[in-house]
Amino acid sequence: MIRVSVYYPTTEGASFDHDYYRDTHVPMARDAWGLADALIEKGINGPYVAAVHVTFDSMDALGEAMGSEKSAAVIDDVANFTTISPIMQISEIVE
């Protein structure tokens, strides 16, 4: 199982629309990549204002999702809710 985490670091002067992220962007990503679920975090105290975690069955499944026609729209949509450059972590779930 592969977990993809996208973090949005706290950045002075940056904006982040949590409502848009939760209500529009993450559902768009779930639809585009055929995801059953997404865990959304709103930072309270720490280095990130937000994060999302999703899982794929394999690296092949992740590659297929990222190569889909709808991926470009998901990536282009980032500008609609934040001025922060996201950080992506890809991990293998081992337990």
PDB file of N, CA and C in Angstrom:
ATOM      1  N   MET A   1       0.853  -1.172   0.000  1.00  0.00           N
ATOM      2  CA  MET A   1       0.000   0.000   0.000  1.00  0.00           C
ATOM      3  C   MET A   1       0.900   1.238   0.000  1.00  0.00           C
ATOM      4  N   ILE A   2       0.542   2.223  -0.802  1.00  0.00           N
ATOM      5  CA  ILE A   2       1.298   3.464  -0.946  1.00  0.00           C
ATOM      6  C   ILE A   2       0.466   4.619  -0.384  1.00  0.00           C
ATOM      7  N   ARG A   3       1.107   5.437   0.428  1.00  0.00           N
ATOM      8  CA  ARG A   3       0.433   6.616   0.984  1.00  0.00           C
ATOM      9  C   ARG A   3       1.081   7.853   0.394  1.00  0.00           C
ATOM     10  N   VAL A   4       0.253   8.739  -0.121  1.00  0.00           N
ATOM     11  CA  VAL A   4       0.719  10.026  -0.638  1.00  0.00           C
ATOM     12  C   VAL A   4       0.213  11.095   0.321  1.00  0.00           C
ATOM     13  N   SER A   5       1.147  11.878   0.829  1.00  0.00           N
ATOM     14  CA  SER A   5       0.813  12.982   1.723  1.00  0.00           C
ATOM     15  C   SER A   5       1.240  14.274   1.046  1.00  0.00           C
ATOM     16  N   VAL A   6       0.353  15.259   1.057  1.00  0.00           N
ATOM     17  CA  VAL A   6       0.675  16.566   0.499  1.00  0.00           C
ATOM     18  C   VAL A   6       0.570  17.563   1.643  1.00  0.00           C
ATOM     19  N   TYR A   7       1.678  18.245   1.908  1.00  0.00           N
ATOM     20  CA  TYR A   7       1.771  19.195   3.019  1.00  0.00           C
ATOM     21  C   TYR A   7       1.870  20.612   2.476  1.00  0.00           C
ATOM     22  N   TYR A   8       1.253  21.530   3.177  1.00  0.00           N
ATOM     23  CA  TYR A   8       1.295  22.944   2.827  1.00  0.00           C
ATOM     24  C   TYR A   8       1.983  23.675   3.974  1.00  0.00           C
ATOM     25  N   PRO A   9       3.278  24.007   3.815  1.00  0.00           N
ATOM     26  CA  PRO A   9       4.021  24.620   4.915  1.00  0.00           C
ATOM     27  C   PRO A   9       3.537  26.039   5.234  1.00  0.00           C
ATOM     28  N   THR A  10       3.554  26.335   6.528  1.00  0.00           N
ATOM     29  CA  THR A  10       3.235  27.685   6.964  1.00  0.00           C
ATOM     30  C   THR A  10       4.214  28.627   6.288  1.00  0.00           C
ATOM     31  N   THR A  11       3.684  29.621   5.603  1.00  0.00           N
ATOM     32  CA  THR A  11       4.502  30.553   4.844  1.00  0.00           C
ATOM     33  C   THR A  11       3.994  31.965   5.092  1.00  0.00           C
ATOM     34  N   GLU A  12       4.878  32.814   5.600  1.00  0.00           N
ATOM     35  CA  GLU A  12       4.483  34.182   5.920  1.00  0.00           C
ATOM     36  C   GLU A  12       3.923  34.894   4.688  1.00  0.00           C
ATOM     37  N   GLY A  13       2.771  35.527   4.857  1.00  0.00           N
ATOM     38  CA  GLY A  13       2.130  36.282   3.784  1.00  0.00           C
ATOM     39  C   GLY A  13       1.346  35.434   2.795  1.00  0.00           C
ATOM     40  N   ALA A  14       1.343  34.120   2.977  1.00  0.00           N
ATOM     41  CA  ALA A  14       0.640  33.224   2.052  1.00  0.00           C
ATOM     42  C   ALA A  14      -0.828  33.095   2.440  1.00  0.00           C
ATOM     43  N   SER A  15      -1.625  32.641   1.499  1.00  0.00           N
ATOM     44  CA  SER A  15      -3.052  32.421   1.768  1.00  0.00           C
ATOM     45  C   SER A  15      -3.385  30.946   1.564  1.00  0.00           C
ATOM     46  N   PHE A  16      -4.432  30.508   2.295  1.00  0.00           N
ATOM     47  CA  PHE A  16      -4.913  29.139   2.157  1.00  0.00           C
ATOM     48  C   PHE A  16      -6.392  29.139   2.512  1.00  0.00           C
ATOM     49  N   ASP A  17      -7.241  28.732   1.571  1.00  0.00           N
ATOM     50  CA  ASP A  17      -8.688  28.680   1.772  1.00  0.00           C
ATOM     51  C   ASP A  17      -9.080  27.247   2.150  1.00  0.00           C
ATOM     52  N   HIS A  18      -9.195  27.009   3.455  1.00  0.00           N
ATOM     53  CA  HIS A  18      -9.503  25.663   3.951  1.00  0.00           C
ATOM     54  C   HIS A  18     -10.856  25.146   3.457  1.00  0.00           C
ATOM     55  N   ASP A  19     -11.850  26.015   3.377  1.00  0.00           N
ATOM     56  CA  ASP A  19     -13.181  25.591   2.928  1.00  0.00           C
ATOM     57  C   ASP A  19     -13.141  25.115   1.484  1.00  0.00           C
ATOM     58  N   TYR A  20     -12.493  25.887   0.619  1.00  0.00           N
ATOM     59  CA  TYR A  20     -12.374  25.489  -0.789  1.00  0.00           C
ATOM     60  C   TYR A  20     -11.610  24.177  -0.905  1.00  0.00           C
ATOM     61  N   TYR A  21     -10.547  24.059  -0.137  1.00  0.00           N
ATOM     62  CA  TYR A  21      -9.730  22.849  -0.161  1.00  0.00           C
ATOM     63  C   TYR A  21     -10.565  21.625   0.189  1.00  0.00           C
ATOM     64  N   ARG A  22     -11.310  21.727   1.282  1.00  0.00           N
ATOM     65  CA  ARG A  22     -12.135  20.604   1.762  1.00  0.00           C
ATOM     66  C   ARG A  22     -13.315  20.322   0.835  1.00  0.00           C
ATOM     67  N   ASP A  23     -13.993  21.378   0.392  1.00  0.00           N
ATOM     68  CA  ASP A  23     -15.260  21.213  -0.335  1.00  0.00           C
ATOM     69  C   ASP A  23     -15.104  21.041  -1.849  1.00  0.00           C
ATOM     70  N   THR A  24     -14.000  21.510  -2.410  1.00  0.00           N
ATOM     71  CA  THR A  24     -13.846  21.489  -3.865  1.00  0.00           C
ATOM     72  C   THR A  24     -12.591  20.740  -4.324  1.00  0.00           C
ATOM     73  N   HIS A  25     -11.435  21.159  -3.831  1.00  0.00           N
ATOM     74  CA  HIS A  25     -10.195  20.599  -4.362  1.00  0.00           C
ATOM     75  C   HIS A  25     -10.014  19.112  -4.046  1.00  0.00           C
ATOM     76  N   VAL A  26     -10.132  18.746  -2.776  1.00  0.00           N
ATOM     77  CA  VAL A  26      -9.918  17.341  -2.421  1.00  0.00           C
ATOM     78  C   VAL A  26     -10.968  16.435  -3.078  1.00  0.00           C
ATOM     79  N   PRO A  27     -12.256  16.818  -3.107  1.00  0.00           N
ATOM     80  CA  PRO A  27     -13.209  15.979  -3.849  1.00  0.00           C
ATOM     81  C   PRO A  27     -12.860  15.858  -5.342  1.00  0.00           C
ATOM     82  N   MET A  28     -12.320  16.920  -5.930  1.00  0.00           N
ATOM     83  CA  MET A  28     -11.895  16.868  -7.328  1.00  0.00           C
ATOM     84  C   MET A  28     -10.773  15.843  -7.491  1.00  0.00           C
ATOM     85  N   ALA A  29      -9.813  15.846  -6.580  1.00  0.00           N
ATOM     86  CA  ALA A  29      -8.710  14.889  -6.636  1.00  0.00           C
ATOM     87  C   ALA A  29      -9.220  13.460  -6.428  1.00  0.00           C
ATOM     88  N   ARG A  30     -10.127  13.274  -5.477  1.00  0.00           N
ATOM     89  CA  ARG A  30     -10.688  11.944  -5.229  1.00  0.00           C
ATOM     90  C   ARG A  30     -11.377  11.413  -6.487  1.00  0.00           C
ATOM     91  N   ASP A  31     -12.139  12.267  -7.149  1.00  0.00           N
ATOM     92  CA  ASP A  31     -12.832  11.867  -8.375  1.00  0.00           C
ATOM     93  C   ASP A  31     -11.840  11.562  -9.497  1.00  0.00           C
ATOM     94  N   ALA A  32     -10.864  12.426  -9.668  1.00  0.00           N
ATOM     95  CA  ALA A  32      -9.897  12.269 -10.754  1.00  0.00           C
ATOM     96  C   ALA A  32      -9.091  10.984 -10.617  1.00  0.00           C
ATOM     97  N   TRP A  33      -8.782  10.611  -9.376  1.00  0.00           N
ATOM     98  CA  TRP A  33      -7.894   9.479  -9.160  1.00  0.00           C
ATOM     99  C   TRP A  33      -8.609   8.251  -8.640  1.00  0.00           C
ATOM    100  N   GLY A  34      -9.947   8.295  -8.581  1.00  0.00           N
ATOM    101  CA  GLY A  34     -10.714   7.135  -8.147  1.00  0.00           C
ATOM    102  C   GLY A  34     -10.449   6.731  -6.711  1.00  0.00           C
ATOM    103  N   LEU A  35     -10.268   7.713  -5.853  1.00  0.00           N
ATOM    104  CA  LEU A  35      -9.947   7.446  -4.449  1.00  0.00           C
ATOM    105  C   LEU A  35     -11.213   7.272  -3.620  1.00  0.00           C
ATOM    106  N   ALA A  36     -11.176   6.299  -2.749  1.00  0.00           N
ATOM    107  CA  ALA A  36     -12.312   6.064  -1.864  1.00  0.00           C
ATOM    108  C   ALA A  36     -12.335   7.059  -0.719  1.00  0.00           C
ATOM    109  N   ASP A  37     -11.160   7.515  -0.289  1.00  0.00           N
ATOM    110  CA  ASP A  37     -11.098   8.358   0.894  1.00  0.00           C
ATOM    111  C   ASP A  37      -9.899   9.288   0.829  1.00  0.00           C
ATOM    112  N   ALA A  38      -9.961  10.336   1.627  1.00  0.00           N
ATOM    113  CA  ALA A  38      -8.846  11.258   1.791  1.00  0.00           C
ATOM    114  C   ALA A  38      -8.938  11.809   3.210  1.00  0.00           C
ATOM    115  N   LEU A  39      -7.829  11.812   3.913  1.00  0.00           N
ATOM    116  CA  LEU A  39      -7.773  12.352   5.260  1.00  0.00           C
ATOM    117  C   LEU A  39      -7.219  13.769   5.167  1.00  0.00           C
ATOM    118  N   ILE A  40      -8.044  14.749   5.516  1.00  0.00           N
ATOM    119  CA  ILE A  40      -7.662  16.156   5.420  1.00  0.00           C
ATOM    120  C   ILE A  40      -7.346  16.670   6.819  1.00  0.00           C
ATOM    121  N   GLU A  41      -6.223  17.379   6.938  1.00  0.00           N
ATOM    122  CA  GLU A  41      -5.821  17.974   8.207  1.00  0.00           C
ATOM    123  C   GLU A  41      -5.765  19.493   8.067  1.00  0.00           C
ATOM    124  N   LYS A  42      -6.235  20.191   9.095  1.00  0.00           N
ATOM    125  CA  LYS A  42      -6.101  21.636   9.199  1.00  0.00           C
ATOM    126  C   LYS A  42      -5.136  21.897  10.347  1.00  0.00           C
ATOM    127  N   GLY A  43      -3.989  22.452  10.021  1.00  0.00           N
ATOM    128  CA  GLY A  43      -2.963  22.674  11.031  1.00  0.00           C
ATOM    129  C   GLY A  43      -3.414  23.644  12.111  1.00  0.00           C
ATOM    130  N   ILE A  44      -3.094  23.306  13.340  1.00  0.00           N
ATOM    131  CA  ILE A  44      -3.391  24.170  14.487  1.00  0.00           C
ATOM    132  C   ILE A  44      -2.098  24.763  15.029  1.00  0.00           C
ATOM    133  N   ASN A  45      -1.104  23.898  15.205  1.00  0.00           N
ATOM    134  CA  ASN A  45       0.179  24.322  15.736  1.00  0.00           C
ATOM    135  C   ASN A  45       1.236  23.430  15.102  1.00  0.00           C
ATOM    136  N   GLY A  46       2.137  24.012  14.378  1.00  0.00           N
ATOM    137  CA  GLY A  46       3.170  23.219  13.730  1.00  0.00           C
ATOM    138  C   GLY A  46       3.607  23.848  12.429  1.00  0.00           C
ATOM    139  N   PRO A  47       4.390  23.120  11.667  1.00  0.00           N
ATOM    140  CA  PRO A  47       4.975  23.715  10.462  1.00  0.00           C
ATOM    141  C   PRO A  47       4.064  23.731   9.229  1.00  0.00           C
ATOM    142  N   TYR A  48       2.847  23.152   9.333  1.00  0.00           N
ATOM    143  CA  TYR A  48       1.968  23.072   8.160  1.00  0.00           C
ATOM    144  C   TYR A  48       0.598  23.664   8.459  1.00  0.00           C
ATOM    145  N   VAL A  49       0.043  24.402   7.495  1.00  0.00           N
ATOM    146  CA  VAL A  49      -1.308  24.943   7.643  1.00  0.00           C
ATOM    147  C   VAL A  49      -2.353  23.911   7.252  1.00  0.00           C
ATOM    148  N   ALA A  50      -1.933  22.923   6.440  1.00  0.00           N
ATOM    149  CA  ALA A  50      -2.861  21.882   5.999  1.00  0.00           C
ATOM    150  C   ALA A  50      -2.074  20.708   5.435  1.00  0.00           C
ATOM    151  N   ALA A  51      -2.762  19.575   5.363  1.00  0.00           N
ATOM    152  CA  ALA A  51      -2.189  18.379   4.747  1.00  0.00           C
ATOM    153  C   ALA A  51      -3.338  17.488   4.297  1.00  0.00           C
ATOM    154  N   VAL A  52      -3.048  16.617   3.361  1.00  0.00           N
ATOM    155  CA  VAL A  52      -4.002  15.594   2.948  1.00  0.00           C
ATOM    156  C   VAL A  52      -3.228  14.300   2.734  1.00  0.00           C
ATOM    157  N   HIS A  53      -3.872  13.192   3.072  1.00  0.00           N
ATOM    158  CA  HIS A  53      -3.244  11.879   2.937  1.00  0.00           C
ATOM    159  C   HIS A  53      -4.206  10.975   2.177  1.00  0.00           C
ATOM    160  N   VAL A  54      -3.695  10.314   1.137  1.00  0.00           N
ATOM    161  CA  VAL A  54      -4.498   9.383   0.348  1.00  0.00           C
ATOM    162  C   VAL A  54      -3.679   8.118   0.127  1.00  0.00           C
ATOM    163  N   THR A  55      -4.358   7.018  -0.162  1.00  0.00           N
ATOM    164  CA  THR A  55      -3.648   5.764  -0.377  1.00  0.00           C
ATOM    165  C   THR A  55      -3.981   5.169  -1.737  1.00  0.00           C
ATOM    166  N   PHE A  56      -2.992   4.452  -2.259  1.00  0.00           N
ATOM    167  CA  PHE A  56      -3.114   3.723  -3.510  1.00  0.00           C
ATOM    168  C   PHE A  56      -2.670   2.297  -3.251  1.00  0.00           C
ATOM    169  N   ASP A  57      -3.186   1.361  -4.015  1.00  0.00           N
ATOM    170  CA  ASP A  57      -2.832  -0.046  -3.839  1.00  0.00           C
ATOM    171  C   ASP A  57      -1.369  -0.335  -4.147  1.00  0.00           C
ATOM    172  N   SER A  58      -0.779   0.442  -5.051  1.00  0.00           N
ATOM    173  CA  SER A  58       0.596   0.172  -5.480  1.00  0.00           C
ATOM    174  C   SER A  58       1.183   1.419  -6.138  1.00  0.00           C
ATOM    175  N   MET A  59       2.491   1.368  -6.400  1.00  0.00           N
ATOM    176  CA  MET A  59       3.127   2.457  -7.143  1.00  0.00           C
ATOM    177  C   MET A  59       2.577   2.528  -8.560  1.00  0.00           C
ATOM    178  N   ASP A  60       2.229   1.380  -9.131  1.00  0.00           N
ATOM    179  CA  ASP A  60       1.633   1.373 -10.472  1.00  0.00           C
ATOM    180  C   ASP A  60       0.296   2.107 -10.467  1.00  0.00           C
ATOM    181  N   ALA A  61      -0.509   1.875  -9.435  1.00  0.00           N
ATOM    182  CA  ALA A  61      -1.805   2.552  -9.325  1.00  0.00           C
ATOM    183  C   ALA A  61      -1.609   4.058  -9.154  1.00  0.00           C
ATOM    184  N   LEU A  62      -0.623   4.445  -8.370  1.00  0.00           N
ATOM    185  CA  LEU A  62      -0.305   5.869  -8.207  1.00  0.00           C
ATOM    186  C   LEU A  62       0.120   6.463  -9.545  1.00  0.00           C
ATOM    187  N   GLY A  63       0.984   5.780 -10.265  1.00  0.00           N
ATOM    188  CA  GLY A  63       1.440   6.263 -11.569  1.00  0.00           C
ATOM    189  C   GLY A  63       0.309   6.415 -12.562  1.00  0.00           C
ATOM    190  N   GLU A  64      -0.602   5.457 -12.558  1.00  0.00           N
ATOM    191  CA  GLU A  64      -1.778   5.543 -13.423  1.00  0.00           C
ATOM    192  C   GLU A  64      -2.621   6.762 -13.094  1.00  0.00           C
ATOM    193  N   ALA A  65      -2.840   6.980 -11.805  1.00  0.00           N
ATOM    194  CA  ALA A  65      -3.652   8.120 -11.360  1.00  0.00           C
ATOM    195  C   ALA A  65      -3.002   9.436 -11.763  1.00  0.00           C
ATOM    196  N   MET A  66      -1.707   9.559 -11.518  1.00  0.00           N
ATOM    197  CA  MET A  66      -1.011  10.812 -11.835  1.00  0.00           C
ATOM    198  C   MET A  66      -0.947  11.055 -13.337  1.00  0.00           C
ATOM    199  N   GLY A  67      -0.992   9.986 -14.127  1.00  0.00           N
ATOM    200  CA  GLY A  67      -0.949  10.118 -15.579  1.00  0.00           C
ATOM    201  C   GLY A  67      -2.309  10.290 -16.228  1.00  0.00           C
ATOM    202  N   SER A  68      -3.358  10.304 -15.415  1.00  0.00           N
ATOM    203  CA  SER A  68      -4.705  10.418 -15.982  1.00  0.00           C
ATOM    204  C   SER A  68      -4.947  11.813 -16.557  1.00  0.00           C
ATOM    205  N   GLU A  69      -5.910  11.899 -17.461  1.00  0.00           N
ATOM    206  CA  GLU A  69      -6.260  13.174 -18.093  1.00  0.00           C
ATOM    207  C   GLU A  69      -6.698  14.220 -17.086  1.00  0.00           C
ATOM    208  N   LYS A  70      -7.317  13.795 -15.990  1.00  0.00           N
ATOM    209  CA  LYS A  70      -7.862  14.727 -14.999  1.00  0.00           C
ATOM    210  C   LYS A  70      -6.801  15.291 -14.057  1.00  0.00           C
ATOM    211  N   SER A  71      -5.597  14.730 -14.040  1.00  0.00           N
ATOM    212  CA  SER A  71      -4.552  15.203 -13.124  1.00  0.00           C
ATOM    213  C   SER A  71      -4.171  16.654 -13.368  1.00  0.00           C
ATOM    214  N   ALA A  72      -4.112  17.068 -14.604  1.00  0.00           N
ATOM    215  CA  ALA A  72      -3.737  18.453 -14.911  1.00  0.00           C
ATOM    216  C   ALA A  72      -4.712  19.437 -14.281  1.00  0.00           C
ATOM    217  N   ALA A  73      -6.000  19.125 -14.307  1.00  0.00           N
ATOM    218  CA  ALA A  73      -7.000  20.006 -13.711  1.00  0.00           C
ATOM    219  C   ALA A  73      -6.817  20.096 -12.194  1.00  0.00           C
ATOM    220  N   VAL A  74      -6.479  18.975 -11.573  1.00  0.00           N
ATOM    221  CA  VAL A  74      -6.246  18.970 -10.120  1.00  0.00           C
ATOM    222  C   VAL A  74      -5.052  19.857  -9.788  1.00  0.00           C
ATOM    223  N   ILE A  75      -3.982  19.702 -10.522  1.00  0.00           N
ATOM    224  CA  ILE A  75      -2.779  20.504 -10.269  1.00  0.00           C
ATOM    225  C   ILE A  75      -3.042  21.976 -10.549  1.00  0.00           C
ATOM    226  N   ASP A  76      -3.731  22.282 -11.629  1.00  0.00           N
ATOM    227  CA  ASP A  76      -4.053  23.678 -11.955  1.00  0.00           C
ATOM    228  C   ASP A  76      -4.960  24.317 -10.910  1.00  0.00           C
ATOM    229  N   ASP A  77      -5.764  23.507 -10.221  1.00  0.00           N
ATOM    230  CA  ASP A  77      -6.711  24.022  -9.234  1.00  0.00           C
ATOM    231  C   ASP A  77      -6.032  24.532  -7.960  1.00  0.00           C
ATOM    232  N   VAL A  78      -4.794  24.144  -7.721  1.00  0.00           N
ATOM    233  CA  VAL A  78      -4.085  24.576  -6.507  1.00  0.00           C
ATOM    234  C   VAL A  78      -4.108  26.099  -6.377  1.00  0.00           C
ATOM    235  N   ALA A  79      -3.952  26.799  -7.473  1.00  0.00           N
ATOM    236  CA  ALA A  79      -3.939  28.271  -7.444  1.00  0.00           C
ATOM    237  C   ALA A  79      -5.265  28.862  -6.967  1.00  0.00           C
ATOM    238  N   ASN A  80      -6.336  28.080  -6.979  1.00  0.00           N
ATOM    239  CA  ASN A  80      -7.639  28.582  -6.536  1.00  0.00           C
ATOM    240  C   ASN A  80      -7.806  28.603  -5.015  1.00  0.00           C
ATOM    241  N   PHE A  81      -6.899  27.959  -4.270  1.00  0.00           N
ATOM    242  CA  PHE A  81      -7.071  27.957  -2.819  1.00  0.00           C
ATOM    243  C   PHE A  81      -5.820  28.328  -2.031  1.00  0.00           C
ATOM    244  N   THR A  82      -4.654  28.404  -2.689  1.00  0.00           N
ATOM    245  CA  THR A  82      -3.450  28.744  -1.920  1.00  0.00           C
ATOM    246  C   THR A  82      -2.370  29.364  -2.784  1.00  0.00           C
ATOM    247  N   THR A  83      -1.509  30.109  -2.115  1.00  0.00           N
ATOM    248  CA  THR A  83      -0.300  30.631  -2.748  1.00  0.00           C
ATOM    249  C   THR A  83       0.931  29.863  -2.243  1.00  0.00           C
ATOM    250  N   ILE A  84       0.710  28.814  -1.461  1.00  0.00           N
ATOM    251  CA  ILE A  84       1.772  28.001  -0.889  1.00  0.00           C
ATOM    252  C   ILE A  84       2.169  26.903  -1.884  1.00  0.00           C
ATOM    253  N   SER A  85       3.465  26.675  -2.021  1.00  0.00           N
ATOM    254  CA  SER A  85       3.945  25.553  -2.834  1.00  0.00           C
ATOM    255  C   SER A  85       3.876  24.283  -1.982  1.00  0.00           C
ATOM    256  N   PRO A  86       3.094  23.302  -2.394  1.00  0.00           N
ATOM    257  CA  PRO A  86       2.949  22.091  -1.593  1.00  0.00           C
ATOM    258  C   PRO A  86       4.193  21.204  -1.645  1.00  0.00           C
ATOM    259  N   ILE A  87       4.324  20.380  -0.618  1.00  0.00           N
ATOM    260  CA  ILE A  87       5.387  19.384  -0.524  1.00  0.00           C
ATOM    261  C   ILE A  87       4.718  18.015  -0.546  1.00  0.00           C
ATOM    262  N   MET A  88       5.196  17.119  -1.416  1.00  0.00           N
ATOM    263  CA  MET A  88       4.602  15.787  -1.510  1.00  0.00           C
ATOM    264  C   MET A  88       5.554  14.740  -0.930  1.00  0.00           C
ATOM    265  N   GLN A  89       4.995  13.858  -0.131  1.00  0.00           N
ATOM    266  CA  GLN A  89       5.737  12.715   0.426  1.00  0.00           C
ATOM    267  C   GLN A  89       5.042  11.433  -0.045  1.00  0.00           C
ATOM    268  N   ILE A  90       5.789  10.530  -0.659  1.00  0.00           N
ATOM    269  CA  ILE A  90       5.267   9.233  -1.054  1.00  0.00           C
ATOM    270  C   ILE A  90       5.913   8.195  -0.156  1.00  0.00           C
ATOM    271  N   SER A  91       5.073   7.391   0.506  1.00  0.00           N
ATOM    272  CA  SER A  91       5.574   6.417   1.469  1.00  0.00           C
ATOM    273  C   SER A  91       4.958   5.057   1.212  1.00  0.00           C
ATOM    274  N   GLU A  92       5.706   4.024   1.576  1.00  0.00           N
ATOM    275  CA  GLU A  92       5.166   2.674   1.567  1.00  0.00           C
ATOM    276  C   GLU A  92       4.679   2.375   2.981  1.00  0.00           C
ATOM    277  N   ILE A  93       3.439   1.964   3.111  1.00  0.00           N
ATOM    278  CA  ILE A  93       2.901   1.588   4.417  1.00  0.00           C
ATOM    279  C   ILE A  93       3.430   0.193   4.721  1.00  0.00           C
ATOM    280  N   VAL A  94       4.159   0.061   5.824  1.00  0.00           N
ATOM    281  CA  VAL A  94       4.805  -1.202   6.139  1.00  0.00           C
ATOM    282  C   VAL A  94       4.127  -1.951   7.281  1.00  0.00           C
ATOM    283  N   GLU A  95       3.226  -1.310   7.959  1.00  0.00           N
ATOM    284  CA  GLU A  95       2.501  -1.998   9.031  1.00  0.00           C
ATOM    285  C   GLU A  95       1.154  -1.357   9.270  1.00  0.00           C
TER     286      GLU A  95
END
